[in-house]
N, C-alpha and C. Protein backbone atom coordinates (compact mmCIF):
# COMPACT_ATOMS: atom_id res chain seq x y z
N UNK A 1 -81.61 42.81 -74.66
CA UNK A 1 -80.56 42.32 -73.79
C UNK A 1 -80.02 43.49 -72.96
N UNK A 2 -80.00 43.32 -71.68
CA UNK A 2 -79.50 44.34 -70.78
C UNK A 2 -78.00 44.17 -70.60
N UNK A 3 -77.29 45.28 -70.71
CA UNK A 3 -75.83 45.24 -70.54
C UNK A 3 -75.49 45.96 -69.25
N UNK A 4 -74.84 45.25 -68.35
CA UNK A 4 -74.46 45.84 -67.08
C UNK A 4 -73.14 46.60 -67.25
N UNK A 5 -73.12 47.82 -66.75
CA UNK A 5 -71.91 48.63 -66.79
C UNK A 5 -71.32 48.63 -65.39
N UNK A 6 -70.02 48.37 -65.31
CA UNK A 6 -69.34 48.38 -64.01
C UNK A 6 -68.31 49.50 -64.01
N UNK A 7 -68.09 50.05 -62.84
CA UNK A 7 -67.16 51.17 -62.67
C UNK A 7 -65.76 50.64 -62.37
N UNK A 8 -64.81 51.55 -62.32
CA UNK A 8 -63.39 51.19 -62.18
C UNK A 8 -63.09 50.30 -60.97
N UNK A 9 -63.60 50.59 -59.77
CA UNK A 9 -63.26 49.69 -58.66
C UNK A 9 -63.68 48.24 -58.90
N UNK A 10 -64.82 48.02 -59.54
CA UNK A 10 -65.26 46.66 -59.85
C UNK A 10 -64.38 46.03 -60.92
N UNK A 11 -63.95 46.83 -61.90
CA UNK A 11 -63.05 46.32 -62.94
C UNK A 11 -61.72 45.93 -62.32
N UNK A 12 -61.20 46.78 -61.43
CA UNK A 12 -59.93 46.48 -60.76
C UNK A 12 -60.02 45.17 -60.01
N UNK A 13 -61.11 44.95 -59.31
CA UNK A 13 -61.29 43.70 -58.56
C UNK A 13 -61.40 42.51 -59.50
N UNK A 14 -62.17 42.67 -60.56
CA UNK A 14 -62.42 41.56 -61.49
C UNK A 14 -61.14 41.12 -62.20
N UNK A 15 -60.31 42.09 -62.63
CA UNK A 15 -59.09 41.73 -63.39
C UNK A 15 -57.86 41.69 -62.50
N UNK A 16 -58.02 42.03 -61.21
CA UNK A 16 -56.93 42.03 -60.24
C UNK A 16 -55.75 42.87 -60.72
N UNK A 17 -56.05 44.13 -61.06
CA UNK A 17 -55.02 45.03 -61.56
C UNK A 17 -55.26 46.44 -61.02
N UNK A 18 -54.20 47.22 -61.00
CA UNK A 18 -54.28 48.59 -60.52
C UNK A 18 -54.88 49.50 -61.59
N UNK A 19 -55.24 50.69 -61.17
CA UNK A 19 -55.75 51.71 -62.09
C UNK A 19 -54.72 51.99 -63.19
N UNK A 20 -53.44 52.07 -62.82
CA UNK A 20 -52.38 52.35 -63.79
C UNK A 20 -52.26 51.25 -64.83
N UNK A 21 -52.34 50.01 -64.39
CA UNK A 21 -52.24 48.88 -65.32
C UNK A 21 -53.41 48.87 -66.27
N UNK A 22 -54.61 49.11 -65.77
CA UNK A 22 -55.79 49.16 -66.63
C UNK A 22 -55.64 50.28 -67.66
N UNK A 23 -55.14 51.42 -67.23
CA UNK A 23 -54.93 52.54 -68.16
C UNK A 23 -53.91 52.17 -69.23
N UNK A 24 -52.84 51.49 -68.83
CA UNK A 24 -51.82 51.06 -69.80
C UNK A 24 -52.41 50.09 -70.81
N UNK A 25 -53.25 49.14 -70.33
CA UNK A 25 -53.91 48.20 -71.24
C UNK A 25 -54.81 48.95 -72.22
N UNK A 26 -55.49 49.98 -71.74
CA UNK A 26 -56.37 50.76 -72.60
C UNK A 26 -55.59 51.45 -73.72
N UNK A 27 -54.39 51.91 -73.40
CA UNK A 27 -53.58 52.62 -74.39
C UNK A 27 -52.89 51.69 -75.38
N UNK A 28 -52.80 50.41 -75.04
CA UNK A 28 -52.10 49.44 -75.89
C UNK A 28 -53.12 48.63 -76.70
N UNK A 29 -53.26 48.91 -78.00
CA UNK A 29 -54.26 48.20 -78.80
C UNK A 29 -54.03 46.69 -78.86
N UNK A 30 -52.79 46.24 -78.68
CA UNK A 30 -52.51 44.81 -78.75
C UNK A 30 -53.04 44.06 -77.52
N UNK A 31 -53.36 44.78 -76.45
CA UNK A 31 -53.87 44.11 -75.25
C UNK A 31 -55.31 43.64 -75.45
N UNK A 32 -56.04 44.31 -76.33
CA UNK A 32 -57.43 43.93 -76.57
C UNK A 32 -58.37 44.31 -75.44
N UNK A 33 -57.89 45.13 -74.50
CA UNK A 33 -58.74 45.50 -73.36
C UNK A 33 -59.94 46.30 -73.86
N UNK A 34 -61.12 46.02 -73.31
CA UNK A 34 -62.34 46.69 -73.77
C UNK A 34 -62.30 48.21 -73.60
N UNK A 35 -62.99 48.89 -74.49
CA UNK A 35 -63.08 50.34 -74.44
C UNK A 35 -64.02 50.76 -73.32
N UNK A 36 -63.72 51.88 -72.70
CA UNK A 36 -64.59 52.42 -71.67
C UNK A 36 -65.82 53.05 -72.30
N UNK A 37 -66.86 53.18 -71.50
CA UNK A 37 -68.12 53.78 -71.92
C UNK A 37 -68.32 55.05 -71.09
N UNK A 38 -68.57 56.16 -71.75
CA UNK A 38 -68.80 57.42 -71.04
C UNK A 38 -70.21 57.40 -70.46
N UNK A 39 -70.30 57.59 -69.14
CA UNK A 39 -71.58 57.57 -68.45
C UNK A 39 -72.09 58.98 -68.16
N UNK A 40 -71.20 59.91 -68.08
CA UNK A 40 -71.54 61.30 -67.80
C UNK A 40 -70.32 62.15 -68.06
N UNK A 41 -70.42 63.41 -67.65
CA UNK A 41 -69.32 64.32 -67.90
C UNK A 41 -68.03 63.86 -67.22
N UNK A 42 -68.13 63.32 -66.02
CA UNK A 42 -66.94 62.91 -65.26
C UNK A 42 -66.97 61.46 -64.83
N UNK A 43 -67.68 60.62 -65.55
CA UNK A 43 -67.73 59.22 -65.13
C UNK A 43 -67.69 58.28 -66.33
N UNK A 44 -67.01 57.16 -66.11
CA UNK A 44 -66.89 56.13 -67.14
C UNK A 44 -67.15 54.77 -66.51
N UNK A 45 -67.36 53.80 -67.36
CA UNK A 45 -67.53 52.42 -66.91
C UNK A 45 -67.19 51.50 -68.06
N UNK A 46 -67.32 50.22 -67.82
CA UNK A 46 -67.05 49.20 -68.83
C UNK A 46 -68.20 48.22 -68.84
N UNK A 47 -68.52 47.68 -70.01
CA UNK A 47 -69.53 46.63 -70.07
C UNK A 47 -68.95 45.38 -69.41
N UNK A 48 -69.66 44.86 -68.44
CA UNK A 48 -69.17 43.71 -67.69
C UNK A 48 -68.94 42.50 -68.59
N UNK A 49 -69.83 42.28 -69.55
CA UNK A 49 -69.67 41.10 -70.40
C UNK A 49 -68.40 41.21 -71.26
N UNK A 50 -67.99 42.43 -71.64
CA UNK A 50 -66.76 42.60 -72.41
C UNK A 50 -65.53 42.31 -71.54
N UNK A 51 -65.58 42.72 -70.28
CA UNK A 51 -64.48 42.41 -69.36
C UNK A 51 -64.39 40.90 -69.16
N UNK A 52 -65.54 40.25 -68.98
CA UNK A 52 -65.56 38.80 -68.79
C UNK A 52 -65.00 38.07 -70.01
N UNK A 53 -65.37 38.52 -71.22
CA UNK A 53 -64.86 37.90 -72.46
C UNK A 53 -63.35 38.11 -72.56
N UNK A 54 -62.88 39.30 -72.23
CA UNK A 54 -61.45 39.60 -72.30
C UNK A 54 -60.69 38.68 -71.36
N UNK A 55 -61.20 38.52 -70.14
CA UNK A 55 -60.56 37.62 -69.18
C UNK A 55 -60.55 36.18 -69.66
N UNK A 56 -61.65 35.75 -70.24
CA UNK A 56 -61.76 34.36 -70.71
C UNK A 56 -60.79 34.07 -71.85
N UNK A 57 -60.43 35.09 -72.61
CA UNK A 57 -59.55 34.89 -73.76
C UNK A 57 -58.08 35.17 -73.49
N UNK A 58 -57.75 35.53 -72.24
CA UNK A 58 -56.36 35.76 -71.88
C UNK A 58 -55.62 34.43 -71.84
N UNK A 59 -54.39 34.40 -72.32
CA UNK A 59 -53.64 33.15 -72.24
C UNK A 59 -53.30 32.81 -70.80
N UNK A 60 -53.33 31.53 -70.51
CA UNK A 60 -52.96 31.06 -69.17
C UNK A 60 -51.46 30.99 -69.07
N UNK A 61 -50.94 31.35 -67.93
CA UNK A 61 -49.51 31.30 -67.70
C UNK A 61 -49.20 30.09 -66.84
N UNK A 62 -48.27 29.29 -67.31
CA UNK A 62 -47.84 28.14 -66.53
C UNK A 62 -46.43 28.39 -66.05
N UNK A 63 -46.18 28.05 -64.84
CA UNK A 63 -44.84 28.27 -64.30
C UNK A 63 -43.96 27.08 -64.62
N UNK A 64 -42.73 27.38 -64.94
CA UNK A 64 -41.75 26.34 -65.23
C UNK A 64 -40.82 26.25 -64.03
N UNK A 65 -40.34 25.07 -63.72
CA UNK A 65 -39.39 24.95 -62.61
C UNK A 65 -38.13 25.75 -62.93
N UNK A 66 -37.59 26.42 -61.91
CA UNK A 66 -36.37 27.19 -62.10
C UNK A 66 -35.17 26.26 -62.22
N UNK A 67 -34.29 26.62 -63.13
CA UNK A 67 -33.06 25.84 -63.30
C UNK A 67 -32.11 26.12 -62.15
N UNK A 68 -31.47 25.08 -61.68
CA UNK A 68 -30.54 25.23 -60.55
C UNK A 68 -29.19 25.70 -61.01
């Protein structure tokens, strides 16, 4: 099975979050955000299927009408 690794700009687009938010999720074990994979001395990426699974398991937010 081939695992596709995606870099930070693709992760940002996929999860619709900034670099800072992704970093905060990485530091917070309760977020369940996937671990990065070291690709070289100065490069990292994430397994795309892990990002997809993480997104699929995020709770959906429903908006409630504001009280007047």
